[in-house]
């Protein structure tokens, strides 16, 4: 994973074959900012996330 994404977290949904890259925004209530949703195929989701930053 690239250093641009070091503050971001990920969720893997193995049966669906997707990865979600997100950032938890510290507000009240906590909000989740989804950066990218993509296939778990190699690094595609991470590449999509980097393109959006």
N, C-alpha and C. Protein backbone atom coordinates (compact mmCIF):
# COMPACT_ATOMS: atom_id res chain seq x y z
N UNK A 1 0.85 -1.17 0.00
CA UNK A 1 0.00 0.00 0.00
C UNK A 1 0.89 1.23 0.00
N UNK A 2 0.53 2.20 -0.78
CA UNK A 2 1.28 3.43 -0.92
C UNK A 2 1.20 4.27 0.35
N UNK A 3 2.22 5.11 0.57
CA UNK A 3 2.25 5.96 1.76
C UNK A 3 1.12 7.00 1.77
N UNK A 4 0.51 7.29 0.60
CA UNK A 4 -0.63 8.20 0.57
C UNK A 4 -1.81 7.65 1.37
N UNK A 5 -1.87 6.35 1.51
CA UNK A 5 -3.01 5.70 2.16
C UNK A 5 -2.71 5.21 3.56
N UNK A 6 -1.62 5.65 4.17
CA UNK A 6 -1.23 5.10 5.47
C UNK A 6 -2.22 5.42 6.59
N UNK A 7 -3.02 6.47 6.49
CA UNK A 7 -4.01 6.79 7.52
C UNK A 7 -5.37 6.15 7.26
N UNK A 8 -5.50 5.48 6.16
CA UNK A 8 -6.78 4.89 5.78
C UNK A 8 -6.87 3.44 6.22
N UNK A 9 -8.08 2.98 6.46
CA UNK A 9 -8.31 1.59 6.86
C UNK A 9 -8.95 0.84 5.71
N UNK A 10 -9.06 -0.48 5.88
CA UNK A 10 -9.67 -1.28 4.82
C UNK A 10 -10.57 -2.34 5.44
N UNK A 11 -11.56 -2.71 4.67
CA UNK A 11 -12.44 -3.81 5.01
C UNK A 11 -12.41 -4.75 3.82
N UNK A 12 -12.25 -6.04 4.09
CA UNK A 12 -12.25 -7.03 3.02
C UNK A 12 -13.50 -7.89 3.17
N UNK A 13 -14.23 -8.02 2.08
CA UNK A 13 -15.39 -8.91 2.07
C UNK A 13 -15.02 -10.07 1.15
N UNK A 14 -14.56 -11.14 1.76
CA UNK A 14 -13.99 -12.25 0.99
C UNK A 14 -15.01 -12.94 0.08
N UNK A 15 -16.22 -13.18 0.57
CA UNK A 15 -17.19 -13.90 -0.26
C UNK A 15 -17.65 -13.07 -1.46
N UNK A 16 -17.66 -11.76 -1.33
CA UNK A 16 -18.02 -10.88 -2.46
C UNK A 16 -16.81 -10.50 -3.29
N UNK A 17 -15.64 -10.69 -2.73
CA UNK A 17 -14.42 -10.37 -3.46
C UNK A 17 -14.15 -8.89 -3.62
N UNK A 18 -14.53 -8.09 -2.61
CA UNK A 18 -14.30 -6.64 -2.70
C UNK A 18 -13.49 -6.15 -1.51
N UNK A 19 -12.91 -4.98 -1.68
CA UNK A 19 -12.16 -4.30 -0.64
C UNK A 19 -12.68 -2.87 -0.58
N UNK A 20 -12.85 -2.35 0.63
CA UNK A 20 -13.32 -0.99 0.84
C UNK A 20 -12.22 -0.23 1.57
N UNK A 21 -11.79 0.88 1.00
CA UNK A 21 -10.78 1.74 1.61
C UNK A 21 -11.53 2.93 2.19
N UNK A 22 -11.31 3.22 3.49
CA UNK A 22 -12.08 4.27 4.13
C UNK A 22 -11.25 5.03 5.16
N UNK A 23 -11.80 6.17 5.59
CA UNK A 23 -11.20 6.99 6.63
C UNK A 23 -12.29 7.32 7.64
N UNK A 24 -12.03 7.04 8.91
CA UNK A 24 -12.98 7.39 9.97
C UNK A 24 -12.73 8.85 10.36
N UNK A 25 -13.75 9.69 10.21
CA UNK A 25 -13.65 11.11 10.53
C UNK A 25 -14.11 11.30 11.97
N UNK A 26 -13.26 11.88 12.78
CA UNK A 26 -13.56 12.03 14.21
C UNK A 26 -14.50 13.21 14.44
N UNK A 27 -15.75 12.91 14.38
CA UNK A 27 -16.81 13.87 14.68
C UNK A 27 -17.76 13.18 15.64
N UNK A 28 -18.79 13.86 16.04
CA UNK A 28 -19.79 13.24 16.90
C UNK A 28 -21.12 13.27 16.19
N UNK A 29 -21.61 12.20 15.69
CA UNK A 29 -21.09 10.84 15.72
C UNK A 29 -19.96 10.65 14.70
N UNK A 30 -19.19 9.59 14.86
CA UNK A 30 -18.10 9.29 13.94
C UNK A 30 -18.67 9.00 12.56
N UNK A 31 -18.05 9.57 11.55
CA UNK A 31 -18.48 9.36 10.17
C UNK A 31 -17.40 8.58 9.43
N UNK A 32 -17.81 7.83 8.44
CA UNK A 32 -16.89 7.07 7.61
C UNK A 32 -16.87 7.69 6.22
N UNK A 33 -15.70 8.05 5.76
CA UNK A 33 -15.53 8.59 4.41
C UNK A 33 -14.96 7.48 3.53
N UNK A 34 -15.80 6.96 2.64
CA UNK A 34 -15.36 5.88 1.77
C UNK A 34 -14.60 6.47 0.59
N UNK A 35 -13.38 6.00 0.41
CA UNK A 35 -12.51 6.51 -0.65
C UNK A 35 -12.65 5.66 -1.91
N UNK A 36 -12.70 4.35 -1.75
CA UNK A 36 -12.79 3.47 -2.92
C UNK A 36 -13.38 2.13 -2.53
N UNK A 37 -14.11 1.55 -3.46
CA UNK A 37 -14.60 0.18 -3.35
C UNK A 37 -14.17 -0.51 -4.63
N UNK A 38 -13.47 -1.60 -4.49
CA UNK A 38 -12.98 -2.27 -5.69
C UNK A 38 -12.73 -3.74 -5.46
N UNK A 39 -12.41 -4.43 -6.53
CA UNK A 39 -12.15 -5.86 -6.41
C UNK A 39 -10.89 -6.14 -5.60
N UNK A 40 -10.88 -7.30 -4.96
CA UNK A 40 -9.71 -7.72 -4.20
C UNK A 40 -8.66 -8.32 -5.12
N UNK A 41 -8.68 -7.97 -6.35
CA UNK A 41 -7.75 -8.46 -7.36
C UNK A 41 -6.48 -7.62 -7.33
N UNK A 42 -5.45 -8.19 -6.75
CA UNK A 42 -4.15 -7.52 -6.62
C UNK A 42 -4.31 -6.21 -5.88
N UNK A 43 -3.97 -5.10 -6.47
CA UNK A 43 -3.99 -3.80 -5.78
C UNK A 43 -4.98 -2.83 -6.42
N UNK A 44 -6.00 -3.32 -7.12
CA UNK A 44 -6.91 -2.44 -7.86
C UNK A 44 -7.63 -1.44 -6.96
N UNK A 45 -8.13 -1.88 -5.81
CA UNK A 45 -8.85 -0.96 -4.93
C UNK A 45 -7.91 0.13 -4.42
N UNK A 46 -6.67 -0.23 -4.10
CA UNK A 46 -5.71 0.77 -3.63
C UNK A 46 -5.36 1.76 -4.74
N UNK A 47 -5.23 1.30 -5.96
CA UNK A 47 -4.94 2.19 -7.08
C UNK A 47 -6.08 3.17 -7.29
N UNK A 48 -7.33 2.68 -7.19
CA UNK A 48 -8.48 3.57 -7.32
C UNK A 48 -8.50 4.62 -6.21
N UNK A 49 -8.17 4.20 -5.00
CA UNK A 49 -8.13 5.13 -3.87
C UNK A 49 -7.08 6.22 -4.09
N UNK A 50 -5.90 5.83 -4.55
CA UNK A 50 -4.83 6.81 -4.80
C UNK A 50 -5.24 7.81 -5.88
N UNK A 51 -5.96 7.36 -6.89
CA UNK A 51 -6.40 8.25 -7.95
C UNK A 51 -7.38 9.30 -7.43
N UNK A 52 -8.11 8.98 -6.39
CA UNK A 52 -9.12 9.90 -5.86
C UNK A 52 -8.56 10.89 -4.85
N UNK A 53 -7.35 10.66 -4.39
CA UNK A 53 -6.75 11.58 -3.41
C UNK A 53 -6.03 12.72 -4.09
